[in-house]
Amino acid sequence: MRFSVKRFVAGIGLALVASMVGAQPYPSKPIKMLVAFPPGGPVDIIARLIGPKMSESLGQPVVVENKVGASGNVATAEVAKSAPDGYTLLAHSSAYAVNPTLFSNPGYDPVKDLQAIAVVAQQANIILVNSSFPAKTLDELKNAMAKDKLAFASPGAGTTPHLTAENLFHVRWKADVTHVPFKGAGPAVTGLLSGQPPIGCMAGSGPMSNIKAGKLRALAVSSAKRLPQLPDVPTLNELGYSGMEDYTWVGMFVPASTPPEIAQKLNDAVLRAVKSPDIKERLDALAFEPTAATLKETAGYVRDEVAKWAKIVRETGAKAE
């Protein structure tokens, strides 16, 4: 009996040693960041800007991987079901807050299944046209829509550019215009450049270089103030459309039961990244406004956004095409 007790105690000791060896400080291996949209759009741009800076802070590579599908729902559902160990992150747009109302079964609950690490940055949505399209102002676009059956592009159903356009074209103007959802901002810009369709609404970073090059024409922005990058383009509020201060934001999320200390490490890494001078300069050039805040502030902001966009989806009658 005495021998068996010794073996039992020895076994416990070995187990404790093994658990102590296994309990390495986070992070001890590469971190995967799933981007919910294709390359070229705001989410992908932010992920690839912030990822290397987070790696510097965390001491491990942050590997960015595009996981496209169902307006971001595919990546979101995958991260929601992943191990809550801080090694799988989600990079998503404000569609994260829209999709639970837009889709009958998005595959996740935005409050219960994931927690927000940071809303990294935001940018205004832009109403724009191909440079060959005759409308030079928003009023001229409204008149064109009143005369002809036209179509507009967005980065996808449920994105905030889609809903900004739905609110303006269908709710405010009562226009008979068709929505053409693309699989991300990059493909939507390509469609606009070819004139298929000639009208669009997108967050600033995707079309900005082509606006600057004169290939696309910006008619209005959805921000509270004019963009420094487009000082001659009026806001929707200036043009008489109050209550349309809409933004596309980029956020990072982890499974809801991720330990608080891991969530805090990730939040700290994002905050350090956006405060670095080179990242701030890059964000400004792309018309992004840094918005990263504490975990508590971030959680409150995301809850408010879920409620705001649920109301807009109901008012516009927007559908997931």
C-alpha atoms as a PDB file:
ATOM      1  CA  MET A   1       0.000   0.000   0.000  1.00  0.00           C
ATOM      2  CA  ARG A   2       2.866   2.344   0.938  1.00  0.00           C
ATOM      3  CA  PHE A   3       4.473   1.767  -2.457  1.00  0.00           C
ATOM      4  CA  SER A   4       1.233   2.640  -4.287  1.00  0.00           C
ATOM      5  CA  VAL A   5       0.922   5.903  -2.333  1.00  0.00           C
ATOM      6  CA  LYS A   6       4.461   6.885  -3.296  1.00  0.00           C
ATOM      7  CA  ARG A   7       3.726   6.189  -6.949  1.00  0.00           C
ATOM      8  CA  PHE A   8       0.534   8.240  -6.713  1.00  0.00           C
ATOM      9  CA  VAL A   9       2.335  11.195  -5.146  1.00  0.00           C
ATOM     10  CA  ALA A  10       5.125  10.940  -7.703  1.00  0.00           C
ATOM     11  CA  GLY A  11       2.559  10.919 -10.483  1.00  0.00           C
ATOM     12  CA  ILE A  12       0.942  14.093  -9.167  1.00  0.00           C
ATOM     13  CA  GLY A  13       4.339  15.762  -8.973  1.00  0.00           C
ATOM     14  CA  LEU A  14       5.130  14.889 -12.576  1.00  0.00           C
ATOM     15  CA  ALA A  15       1.726  16.199 -13.679  1.00  0.00           C
ATOM     16  CA  LEU A  16       2.322  19.482 -11.873  1.00  0.00           C
ATOM     17  CA  VAL A  17       5.733  19.873 -13.456  1.00  0.00           C
ATOM     18  CA  ALA A  18       4.300  19.101 -16.891  1.00  0.00           C
ATOM     19  CA  SER A  19       1.505  21.638 -16.439  1.00  0.00           C
ATOM     20  CA  MET A  20       3.982  24.287 -15.307  1.00  0.00           C
ATOM     21  CA  VAL A  21       6.172  23.616 -18.333  1.00  0.00           C
ATOM     22  CA  GLY A  22       3.117  23.698 -20.626  1.00  0.00           C
ATOM     23  CA  ALA A  23       1.787  26.943 -19.157  1.00  0.00           C
ATOM     24  CA  GLN A  24       4.039  29.188 -21.202  1.00  0.00           C
ATOM     25  CA  PRO A  25       3.370  32.926 -21.126  1.00  0.00           C
ATOM     26  CA  TYR A  26       1.124  34.262 -23.892  1.00  0.00           C
ATOM     27  CA  PRO A  27       1.943  34.407 -26.718  1.00  0.00           C
ATOM     28  CA  SER A  28       4.323  31.506 -27.244  1.00  0.00           C
ATOM     29  CA  LYS A  29       3.515  30.794 -30.908  1.00  0.00           C
ATOM     30  CA  PRO A  30       2.342  32.660 -34.022  1.00  0.00           C
ATOM     31  CA  ILE A  31      -1.065  34.347 -33.952  1.00  0.00           C
ATOM     32  CA  LYS A  32      -3.475  34.008 -36.868  1.00  0.00           C
ATOM     33  CA  MET A  33      -5.613  36.993 -37.892  1.00  0.00           C
ATOM     34  CA  LEU A  34      -8.544  36.121 -40.142  1.00  0.00           C
ATOM     35  CA  VAL A  35      -9.566  39.051 -42.356  1.00  0.00           C
ATOM     36  CA  ALA A  36     -13.270  38.806 -43.201  1.00  0.00           C
ATOM     37  CA  PHE A  37     -12.920  40.483 -46.627  1.00  0.00           C
ATOM     38  CA  PRO A  38     -10.691  40.248 -49.730  1.00  0.00           C
ATOM     39  CA  PRO A  39      -7.410  42.129 -50.245  1.00  0.00           C
ATOM     40  CA  GLY A  40      -7.595  45.824 -51.140  1.00  0.00           C
ATOM     41  CA  GLY A  41     -10.385  46.946 -48.814  1.00  0.00           C
ATOM     42  CA  PRO A  42     -10.222  48.830 -45.504  1.00  0.00           C
ATOM     43  CA  VAL A  43     -10.180  45.715 -43.304  1.00  0.00           C
ATOM     44  CA  ASP A  44      -7.331  44.109 -45.223  1.00  0.00           C
ATOM     45  CA  ILE A  45      -5.381  47.385 -45.308  1.00  0.00           C
ATOM     46  CA  ILE A  46      -5.666  47.892 -41.547  1.00  0.00           C
ATOM     47  CA  ALA A  47      -4.832  44.259 -40.758  1.00  0.00           C
ATOM     48  CA  ARG A  48      -1.655  44.392 -42.822  1.00  0.00           C
ATOM     49  CA  LEU A  49      -0.632  47.745 -41.335  1.00  0.00           C
ATOM     50  CA  ILE A  50      -1.280  46.781 -37.723  1.00  0.00           C
ATOM     51  CA  GLY A  51      -0.193  43.123 -37.853  1.00  0.00           C
ATOM     52  CA  PRO A  52       3.582  43.726 -38.045  1.00  0.00           C
ATOM     53  CA  LYS A  53       3.421  46.355 -35.279  1.00  0.00           C
ATOM     54  CA  MET A  54       1.483  43.956 -33.051  1.00  0.00           C
ATOM     55  CA  SER A  55       4.143  41.331 -33.753  1.00  0.00           C
ATOM     56  CA  GLU A  56       6.813  43.701 -32.456  1.00  0.00           C
ATOM     57  CA  SER A  57       4.921  44.203 -29.186  1.00  0.00           C
ATOM     58  CA  LEU A  58       3.889  40.592 -28.677  1.00  0.00           C
ATOM     59  CA  GLY A  59       7.117  38.939 -29.767  1.00  0.00           C
ATOM     60  CA  GLN A  60       5.370  36.522 -32.114  1.00  0.00           C
ATOM     61  CA  PRO A  61       4.366  36.746 -35.810  1.00  0.00           C
ATOM     62  CA  VAL A  62       0.809  37.864 -36.568  1.00  0.00           C
ATOM     63  CA  VAL A  63      -0.106  35.981 -39.726  1.00  0.00           C
ATOM     64  CA  VAL A  64      -2.833  37.652 -41.804  1.00  0.00           C
ATOM     65  CA  GLU A  65      -5.170  35.378 -43.768  1.00  0.00           C
ATOM     66  CA  ASN A  66      -8.147  36.471 -45.891  1.00  0.00           C
ATOM     67  CA  LYS A  67     -11.229  34.339 -45.170  1.00  0.00           C
ATOM     68  CA  VAL A  68     -13.997  35.624 -47.444  1.00  0.00           C
ATOM     69  CA  GLY A  69     -17.675  34.736 -47.536  1.00  0.00           C
ATOM     70  CA  ALA A  70     -21.230  35.831 -46.646  1.00  0.00           C
ATOM     71  CA  SER A  71     -20.317  39.491 -46.025  1.00  0.00           C
ATOM     72  CA  GLY A  72     -17.824  38.489 -43.361  1.00  0.00           C
ATOM     73  CA  ASN A  73     -19.972  35.883 -41.616  1.00  0.00           C
ATOM     74  CA  VAL A  74     -17.767  32.936 -42.621  1.00  0.00           C
ATOM     75  CA  ALA A  75     -14.683  34.305 -40.868  1.00  0.00           C
ATOM     76  CA  THR A  76     -16.717  35.561 -37.910  1.00  0.00           C
ATOM     77  CA  ALA A  77     -18.361  32.190 -37.258  1.00  0.00           C
ATOM     78  CA  GLU A  78     -14.992  30.429 -37.524  1.00  0.00           C
ATOM     79  CA  VAL A  79     -13.340  32.712 -34.980  1.00  0.00           C
ATOM     80  CA  ALA A  80     -16.360  32.520 -32.654  1.00  0.00           C
ATOM     81  CA  LYS A  81     -15.967  28.721 -32.557  1.00  0.00           C
ATOM     82  CA  SER A  82     -12.178  28.724 -32.260  1.00  0.00           C
ATOM     83  CA  ALA A  83     -10.237  28.041 -29.058  1.00  0.00           C
ATOM     84  CA  PRO A  84     -10.391  31.080 -26.733  1.00  0.00           C
ATOM     85  CA  ASP A  85      -6.621  31.170 -26.332  1.00  0.00           C
ATOM     86  CA  GLY A  86      -5.713  34.407 -28.151  1.00  0.00           C
ATOM     87  CA  TYR A  87      -4.180  32.665 -31.147  1.00  0.00           C
ATOM     88  CA  THR A  88      -7.067  33.298 -33.557  1.00  0.00           C
ATOM     89  CA  LEU A  89      -8.168  36.897 -34.134  1.00  0.00           C
ATOM     90  CA  LEU A  90     -10.862  38.333 -36.372  1.00  0.00           C
ATOM     91  CA  ALA A  91     -10.421  41.529 -38.363  1.00  0.00           C
ATOM     92  CA  HIS A  92     -13.838  42.769 -39.482  1.00  0.00           C
ATOM     93  CA  SER A  93     -15.595  45.932 -40.593  1.00  0.00           C
ATOM     94  CA  SER A  94     -18.676  47.625 -39.172  1.00  0.00           C
ATOM     95  CA  ALA A  95     -20.602  44.924 -41.057  1.00  0.00           C
ATOM     96  CA  TYR A  96     -19.935  42.935 -37.871  1.00  0.00           C
ATOM     97  CA  ALA A  97     -22.588  45.127 -36.226  1.00  0.00           C
ATOM     98  CA  VAL A  98     -24.928  45.066 -39.246  1.00  0.00           C
ATOM     99  CA  ASN A  99     -25.069  41.395 -40.182  1.00  0.00           C
ATOM    100  CA  PRO A 100     -26.946  40.064 -37.116  1.00  0.00           C
ATOM    101  CA  THR A 101     -30.018  42.041 -38.247  1.00  0.00           C
ATOM    102  CA  LEU A 102     -29.437  41.815 -42.002  1.00  0.00           C
ATOM    103  CA  PHE A 103     -29.114  38.014 -42.064  1.00  0.00           C
ATOM    104  CA  SER A 104     -31.682  35.641 -40.618  1.00  0.00           C
ATOM    105  CA  ASN A 105     -28.863  33.342 -39.498  1.00  0.00           C
ATOM    106  CA  PRO A 106     -25.483  35.122 -39.500  1.00  0.00           C
ATOM    107  CA  GLY A 107     -23.858  32.303 -37.532  1.00  0.00           C
ATOM    108  CA  TYR A 108     -22.891  34.410 -34.501  1.00  0.00           C
ATOM    109  CA  ASP A 109     -24.209  36.698 -31.785  1.00  0.00           C
ATOM    110  CA  PRO A 110     -22.146  39.926 -31.815  1.00  0.00           C
ATOM    111  CA  VAL A 111     -22.407  40.413 -28.054  1.00  0.00           C
ATOM    112  CA  LYS A 112     -22.370  36.859 -26.664  1.00  0.00           C
ATOM    113  CA  ASP A 113     -20.015  34.968 -29.007  1.00  0.00           C
ATOM    114  CA  LEU A 114     -17.102  37.372 -29.390  1.00  0.00           C
ATOM    115  CA  GLN A 115     -15.434  40.214 -27.537  1.00  0.00           C
ATOM    116  CA  ALA A 116     -13.984  43.298 -29.170  1.00  0.00           C
ATOM    117  CA  ILE A 117     -10.263  43.887 -28.731  1.00  0.00           C
ATOM    118  CA  ALA A 118     -10.263  47.283 -30.442  1.00  0.00           C
ATOM    119  CA  VAL A 119     -12.037  49.371 -33.040  1.00  0.00           C
ATOM    120  CA  VAL A 120      -8.752  50.298 -34.676  1.00  0.00           C
ATOM    121  CA  ALA A 121      -9.796  53.058 -37.080  1.00  0.00           C
ATOM    122  CA  GLN A 122     -12.754  54.494 -38.963  1.00  0.00           C
ATOM    123  CA  GLN A 123     -13.360  56.336 -42.195  1.00  0.00           C
ATOM    124  CA  ALA A 124     -16.234  58.054 -43.930  1.00  0.00           C
ATOM    125  CA  ASN A 125     -18.246  56.483 -46.720  1.00  0.00           C
ATOM    126  CA  ILE A 126     -18.044  58.265 -50.071  1.00  0.00           C
ATOM    127  CA  ILE A 127     -20.743  58.616 -52.735  1.00  0.00           C
ATOM    128  CA  LEU A 128     -18.848  58.512 -56.015  1.00  0.00           C
ATOM    129  CA  VAL A 129     -19.174  57.963 -59.755  1.00  0.00           C
ATOM    130  CA  ASN A 130     -16.986  56.936 -62.651  1.00  0.00           C
ATOM    131  CA  SER A 131     -15.327  60.060 -64.082  1.00  0.00           C
ATOM    132  CA  SER A 132     -17.151  59.548 -67.401  1.00  0.00           C
ATOM    133  CA  PHE A 133     -20.556  59.701 -65.672  1.00  0.00           C
ATOM    134  CA  PRO A 134     -22.144  63.117 -66.338  1.00  0.00           C
ATOM    135  CA  ALA A 135     -23.099  63.967 -62.723  1.00  0.00           C
ATOM    136  CA  LYS A 136     -20.683  66.483 -61.193  1.00  0.00           C
ATOM    137  CA  THR A 137     -22.656  67.056 -57.975  1.00  0.00           C
ATOM    138  CA  LEU A 138     -24.937  65.044 -55.694  1.00  0.00           C
ATOM    139  CA  ASP A 139     -27.987  66.968 -56.977  1.00  0.00           C
ATOM    140  CA  GLU A 140     -27.067  66.034 -60.556  1.00  0.00           C
ATOM    141  CA  LEU A 141     -26.814  62.390 -59.503  1.00  0.00           C
ATOM    142  CA  LYS A 142     -30.269  62.634 -57.907  1.00  0.00           C
ATOM    143  CA  ASN A 143     -31.697  64.071 -61.142  1.00  0.00           C
ATOM    144  CA  ALA A 144     -30.033  61.311 -63.180  1.00  0.00           C
ATOM    145  CA  MET A 145     -31.589  58.649 -60.947  1.00  0.00           C
ATOM    146  CA  ALA A 146     -34.999  60.264 -61.343  1.00  0.00           C
ATOM    147  CA  LYS A 147     -34.727  59.932 -65.142  1.00  0.00           C
ATOM    148  CA  ASP A 148     -33.104  56.535 -65.668  1.00  0.00           C
ATOM    149  CA  LYS A 149     -32.957  53.088 -64.108  1.00  0.00           C
ATOM    150  CA  LEU A 150     -29.431  52.973 -62.701  1.00  0.00           C
ATOM    151  CA  ALA A 151     -27.339  50.737 -60.425  1.00  0.00           C
ATOM    152  CA  PHE A 152     -24.813  51.343 -57.669  1.00  0.00           C
ATOM    153  CA  ALA A 153     -21.903  49.307 -56.345  1.00  0.00           C
ATOM    154  CA  SER A 154     -20.969  48.597 -52.740  1.00  0.00           C
ATOM    155  CA  PRO A 155     -18.326  46.391 -51.116  1.00  0.00           C
ATOM    156  CA  GLY A 156     -21.090  43.948 -50.174  1.00  0.00           C
ATOM    157  CA  ALA A 157     -24.527  43.517 -48.671  1.00  0.00           C
ATOM    158  CA  GLY A 158     -24.589  44.732 -45.089  1.00  0.00           C
ATOM    159  CA  THR A 159     -21.502  46.886 -45.281  1.00  0.00           C
ATOM    160  CA  THR A 160     -22.040  50.423 -44.024  1.00  0.00           C
ATOM    161  CA  PRO A 161     -21.388  51.886 -47.511  1.00  0.00           C
ATOM    162  CA  HIS A 162     -24.292  49.726 -48.744  1.00  0.00           C
ATOM    163  CA  LEU A 163     -26.568  51.054 -45.998  1.00  0.00           C
ATOM    164  CA  THR A 164     -25.466  54.670 -46.433  1.00  0.00           C
ATOM    165  CA  ALA A 165     -26.397  54.394 -50.110  1.00  0.00           C
ATOM    166  CA  GLU A 166     -29.679  52.607 -49.346  1.00  0.00           C
ATOM    167  CA  ASN A 167     -30.608  55.352 -46.907  1.00  0.00           C
ATOM    168  CA  LEU A 168     -29.785  58.121 -49.387  1.00  0.00           C
ATOM    169  CA  PHE A 169     -31.028  56.604 -52.650  1.00  0.00           C
ATOM    170  CA  HIS A 170     -34.065  54.637 -51.503  1.00  0.00           C
ATOM    171  CA  VAL A 171     -35.229  56.254 -48.244  1.00  0.00           C
ATOM    172  CA  ARG A 172     -34.357  59.919 -48.899  1.00  0.00           C
ATOM    173  CA  TRP A 173     -34.648  60.061 -52.716  1.00  0.00           C
ATOM    174  CA  LYS A 174     -37.174  57.244 -53.317  1.00  0.00           C
ATOM    175  CA  ALA A 175     -35.064  56.359 -56.374  1.00  0.00           C
ATOM    176  CA  ASP A 176     -35.533  53.159 -58.358  1.00  0.00           C
ATOM    177  CA  VAL A 177     -31.894  52.064 -58.277  1.00  0.00           C
ATOM    178  CA  THR A 178     -30.406  48.566 -58.145  1.00  0.00           C
ATOM    179  CA  HIS A 179     -27.787  47.513 -55.625  1.00  0.00           C
ATOM    180  CA  VAL A 180     -24.816  45.575 -57.035  1.00  0.00           C
ATOM    181  CA  PRO A 181     -22.928  43.982 -54.109  1.00  0.00           C
ATOM    182  CA  PHE A 182     -19.288  43.082 -54.698  1.00  0.00           C
ATOM    183  CA  LYS A 183     -17.108  40.794 -52.616  1.00  0.00           C
ATOM    184  CA  GLY A 184     -15.098  43.563 -51.014  1.00  0.00           C
ATOM    185  CA  ALA A 185     -13.918  47.097 -51.758  1.00  0.00           C
ATOM    186  CA  GLY A 186     -11.179  46.025 -54.164  1.00  0.00           C
ATOM    187  CA  PRO A 187     -13.563  44.286 -56.589  1.00  0.00           C
ATOM    188  CA  ALA A 188     -16.081  47.151 -56.201  1.00  0.00           C
ATOM    189  CA  VAL A 189     -13.451  49.703 -57.253  1.00  0.00           C
ATOM    190  CA  THR A 190     -12.629  47.557 -60.294  1.00  0.00           C
ATOM    191  CA  GLY A 191     -16.321  47.513 -61.226  1.00  0.00           C
ATOM    192  CA  LEU A 192     -16.608  51.290 -60.883  1.00  0.00           C
ATOM    193  CA  LEU A 193     -13.507  51.886 -62.980  1.00  0.00           C
ATOM    194  CA  SER A 194     -15.056  49.863 -65.795  1.00  0.00           C
ATOM    195  CA  GLY A 195     -18.379  51.663 -65.381  1.00  0.00           C
ATOM    196  CA  GLN A 196     -20.134  48.455 -64.361  1.00  0.00           C
ATOM    197  CA  PRO A 197     -21.924  50.057 -62.559  1.00  0.00           C
ATOM    198  CA  PRO A 198     -20.913  53.742 -62.821  1.00  0.00           C
ATOM    199  CA  ILE A 199     -22.148  54.740 -59.325  1.00  0.00           C
ATOM    200  CA  GLY A 200     -20.910  53.523 -55.961  1.00  0.00           C
ATOM    201  CA  CYS A 201     -20.590  54.056 -52.256  1.00  0.00           C
ATOM    202  CA  MET A 202     -17.395  52.965 -50.522  1.00  0.00           C
ATOM    203  CA  ALA A 203     -15.219  53.714 -47.539  1.00  0.00           C
ATOM    204  CA  GLY A 204     -12.409  56.129 -48.316  1.00  0.00           C
ATOM    205  CA  SER A 205      -9.301  53.963 -48.548  1.00  0.00           C
ATOM    206  CA  GLY A 206     -10.513  51.681 -51.349  1.00  0.00           C
ATOM    207  CA  PRO A 207     -11.199  54.315 -54.037  1.00  0.00           C
ATOM    208  CA  MET A 208      -8.970  57.140 -52.730  1.00  0.00           C
ATOM    209  CA  SER A 209      -6.034  56.669 -55.126  1.00  0.00           C
ATOM    210  CA  ASN A 210      -8.392  56.566 -58.117  1.00  0.00           C
ATOM    211  CA  ILE A 211     -10.229  59.672 -56.891  1.00  0.00           C
ATOM    212  CA  LYS A 212      -6.884  61.462 -56.645  1.00  0.00           C
ATOM    213  CA  ALA A 213      -5.980  60.212 -60.141  1.00  0.00           C
ATOM    214  CA  GLY A 214      -9.242  61.597 -61.577  1.00  0.00           C
ATOM    215  CA  LYS A 215     -10.614  58.186 -62.574  1.00  0.00           C
ATOM    216  CA  LEU A 216     -13.424  58.362 -60.010  1.00  0.00           C
ATOM    217  CA  ARG A 217     -15.327  61.462 -58.850  1.00  0.00           C
ATOM    218  CA  ALA A 218     -16.359  61.912 -55.202  1.00  0.00           C
ATOM    219  CA  LEU A 219     -19.697  63.729 -54.756  1.00  0.00           C
ATOM    220  CA  ALA A 220     -20.241  63.597 -50.993  1.00  0.00           C
ATOM    221  CA  VAL A 221     -18.823  62.114 -47.791  1.00  0.00           C
ATOM    222  CA  SER A 222     -20.686  60.761 -44.756  1.00  0.00           C
ATOM    223  CA  SER A 223     -18.367  62.208 -42.089  1.00  0.00           C
ATOM    224  CA  ALA A 224     -19.142  64.981 -39.611  1.00  0.00           C
ATOM    225  CA  LYS A 225     -16.540  67.208 -41.285  1.00  0.00           C
ATOM    226  CA  ARG A 226     -14.959  67.338 -44.740  1.00  0.00           C
ATOM    227  CA  LEU A 227     -12.027  65.010 -45.229  1.00  0.00           C
ATOM    228  CA  PRO A 228      -8.585  66.648 -45.278  1.00  0.00           C
ATOM    229  CA  GLN A 229      -7.756  64.414 -48.268  1.00  0.00           C
ATOM    230  CA  LEU A 230     -10.848  65.692 -50.176  1.00  0.00           C
ATOM    231  CA  PRO A 231     -11.367  69.280 -48.965  1.00  0.00           C
ATOM    232  CA  ASP A 232     -13.589  70.227 -51.923  1.00  0.00           C
ATOM    233  CA  VAL A 233     -16.065  67.372 -51.382  1.00  0.00           C
ATOM    234  CA  PRO A 234     -19.037  68.365 -49.183  1.00  0.00           C
ATOM    235  CA  THR A 235     -20.489  66.275 -46.370  1.00  0.00           C
ATOM    236  CA  LEU A 236     -23.999  64.842 -46.653  1.00  0.00           C
ATOM    237  CA  ASN A 237     -24.976  67.037 -43.713  1.00  0.00           C
ATOM    238  CA  GLU A 238     -23.816  70.165 -45.579  1.00  0.00           C
ATOM    239  CA  LEU A 239     -25.996  69.116 -48.499  1.00  0.00           C
ATOM    240  CA  GLY A 240     -29.087  68.900 -46.307  1.00  0.00           C
ATOM    241  CA  TYR A 241     -29.064  65.216 -45.344  1.00  0.00           C
ATOM    242  CA  SER A 242     -28.944  65.354 -41.563  1.00  0.00           C
ATOM    243  CA  GLY A 243     -28.432  62.255 -39.480  1.00  0.00           C
ATOM    244  CA  MET A 244     -26.173  60.602 -42.039  1.00  0.00           C
ATOM    245  CA  GLU A 245     -22.865  60.654 -40.222  1.00  0.00           C
ATOM    246  CA  ASP A 246     -21.908  57.091 -41.065  1.00  0.00           C
ATOM    247  CA  TYR A 247     -18.533  55.433 -40.775  1.00  0.00           C
ATOM    248  CA  THR A 248     -16.914  52.234 -41.867  1.00  0.00           C
ATOM    249  CA  TRP A 249     -14.770  51.032 -39.000  1.00  0.00           C
ATOM    250  CA  VAL A 250     -12.296  48.215 -38.668  1.00  0.00           C
ATOM    251  CA  GLY A 251     -12.298  46.162 -35.490  1.00  0.00           C
ATOM    252  CA  MET A 252     -10.494  43.171 -34.025  1.00  0.00           C
ATOM    253  CA  PHE A 253     -12.260  40.430 -32.098  1.00  0.00           C
ATOM    254  CA  VAL A 254     -11.574  37.196 -30.204  1.00  0.00           C
ATOM    255  CA  PRO A 255     -13.885  34.463 -28.827  1.00  0.00           C
ATOM    256  CA  ALA A 256     -15.964  35.696 -25.895  1.00  0.00           C
ATOM    257  CA  SER A 257     -14.363  33.444 -23.271  1.00  0.00           C
ATOM    258  CA  THR A 258     -10.797  34.539 -24.043  1.00  0.00           C
ATOM    259  CA  PRO A 259      -9.057  35.195 -20.672  1.00  0.00           C
ATOM    260  CA  PRO A 260      -9.051  38.890 -19.686  1.00  0.00           C
ATOM    261  CA  GLU A 261      -5.269  39.058 -19.407  1.00  0.00           C
ATOM    262  CA  ILE A 262      -4.875  37.857 -23.013  1.00  0.00           C
ATOM    263  CA  ALA A 263      -7.499  40.301 -24.281  1.00  0.00           C
ATOM    264  CA  GLN A 264      -5.664  43.080 -22.443  1.00  0.00           C
ATOM    265  CA  LYS A 265      -2.308  42.139 -24.004  1.00  0.00           C
ATOM    266  CA  LEU A 266      -3.870  42.275 -27.466  1.00  0.00           C
ATOM    267  CA  ASN A 267      -5.561  45.604 -26.734  1.00  0.00           C
ATOM    268  CA  ASP A 268      -2.257  47.037 -25.478  1.00  0.00           C
ATOM    269  CA  ALA A 269      -0.514  45.875 -28.667  1.00  0.00           C
ATOM    270  CA  VAL A 270      -3.119  47.590 -30.876  1.00  0.00           C
ATOM    271  CA  LEU A 271      -2.966  50.837 -28.867  1.00  0.00           C
ATOM    272  CA  ARG A 272       0.822  50.921 -29.159  1.00  0.00           C
ATOM    273  CA  ALA A 273       0.599  50.248 -32.884  1.00  0.00           C
ATOM    274  CA  VAL A 274      -1.807  53.088 -33.715  1.00  0.00           C
ATOM    275  CA  LYS A 275       0.223  55.554 -31.638  1.00  0.00           C
ATOM    276  CA  SER A 276       3.433  54.915 -33.565  1.00  0.00           C
ATOM    277  CA  PRO A 277       4.285  57.868 -35.865  1.00  0.00           C
ATOM    278  CA  ASP A 278       4.686  55.786 -39.044  1.00  0.00           C
ATOM    279  CA  ILE A 279       1.302  54.079 -38.614  1.00  0.00           C
ATOM    280  CA  LYS A 280      -0.424  57.403 -37.833  1.00  0.00           C
ATOM    281  CA  GLU A 281       1.056  58.853 -41.012  1.00  0.00           C
ATOM    282  CA  ARG A 282      -0.098  55.904 -43.114  1.00  0.00           C
ATOM    283  CA  LEU A 283      -3.606  55.992 -41.629  1.00  0.00           C
ATOM    284  CA  ASP A 284      -3.933  59.708 -42.360  1.00  0.00           C
ATOM    285  CA  ALA A 285      -2.837  59.242 -45.982  1.00  0.00           C
ATOM    286  CA  LEU A 286      -5.539  56.596 -46.419  1.00  0.00           C
ATOM    287  CA  ALA A 287      -8.280  58.766 -44.815  1.00  0.00           C
ATOM    288  CA  PHE A 288      -8.440  56.621 -41.678  1.00  0.00           C
ATOM    289  CA  GLU A 289      -9.027  58.182 -38.264  1.00  0.00           C
ATOM    290  CA  PRO A 290      -7.460  56.153 -35.411  1.00  0.00           C
ATOM    291  CA  THR A 291     -10.101  55.199 -32.840  1.00  0.00           C
ATOM    292  CA  ALA A 292      -8.505  52.451 -30.720  1.00  0.00           C
ATOM    293  CA  ALA A 293      -9.523  52.726 -27.054  1.00  0.00           C
ATOM    294  CA  THR A 294      -9.660  50.652 -23.866  1.00  0.00           C
ATOM    295  CA  LEU A 295     -11.445  47.300 -23.757  1.00  0.00           C
ATOM    296  CA  LYS A 296     -14.352  48.778 -21.768  1.00  0.00           C
ATOM    297  CA  GLU A 297     -14.826  51.730 -24.132  1.00  0.00           C
ATOM    298  CA  THR A 298     -14.555  49.440 -27.142  1.00  0.00           C
ATOM    299  CA  ALA A 299     -17.207  47.040 -25.813  1.00  0.00           C
ATOM    300  CA  GLY A 300     -19.619  49.934 -25.249  1.00  0.00           C
ATOM    301  CA  TYR A 301     -19.014  51.370 -28.711  1.00  0.00           C
ATOM    302  CA  VAL A 302     -19.639  48.041 -30.435  1.00  0.00           C
ATOM    303  CA  ARG A 303     -22.877  47.508 -28.473  1.00  0.00           C
ATOM    304  CA  ASP A 304     -24.066  50.976 -29.560  1.00  0.00           C
ATOM    305  CA  GLU A 305     -23.160  50.250 -33.194  1.00  0.00           C
ATOM    306  CA  VAL A 306     -25.110  46.967 -33.166  1.00  0.00           C
ATOM    307  CA  ALA A 307     -28.200  48.880 -31.983  1.00  0.00           C
ATOM    308  CA  LYS A 308     -27.704  51.766 -34.453  1.00  0.00           C
ATOM    309  CA  TRP A 309     -27.315  49.606 -37.539  1.00  0.00           C
ATOM    310  CA  ALA A 310     -30.150  47.284 -36.549  1.00  0.00           C
ATOM    311  CA  LYS A 311     -32.440  50.327 -36.656  1.00  0.00           C
ATOM    312  CA  ILE A 312     -31.075  51.447 -40.061  1.00  0.00           C
ATOM    313  CA  VAL A 313     -31.458  47.967 -41.553  1.00  0.00           C
ATOM    314  CA  ARG A 314     -35.091  47.921 -40.486  1.00  0.00           C
ATOM    315  CA  GLU A 315     -35.734  51.460 -41.789  1.00  0.00           C
ATOM    316  CA  THR A 316     -34.127  50.875 -45.186  1.00  0.00           C
ATOM    317  CA  GLY A 317     -35.499  47.372 -45.642  1.00  0.00           C
ATOM    318  CA  ALA A 318     -32.019  46.299 -46.756  1.00  0.00           C
ATOM    319  CA  LYS A 319     -31.652  42.628 -47.668  1.00  0.00           C
ATOM    320  CA  ALA A 320     -28.739  40.233 -47.805  1.00  0.00           C
ATOM    321  CA  GLU A 321     -28.542  39.554 -51.543  1.00  0.00           C
END
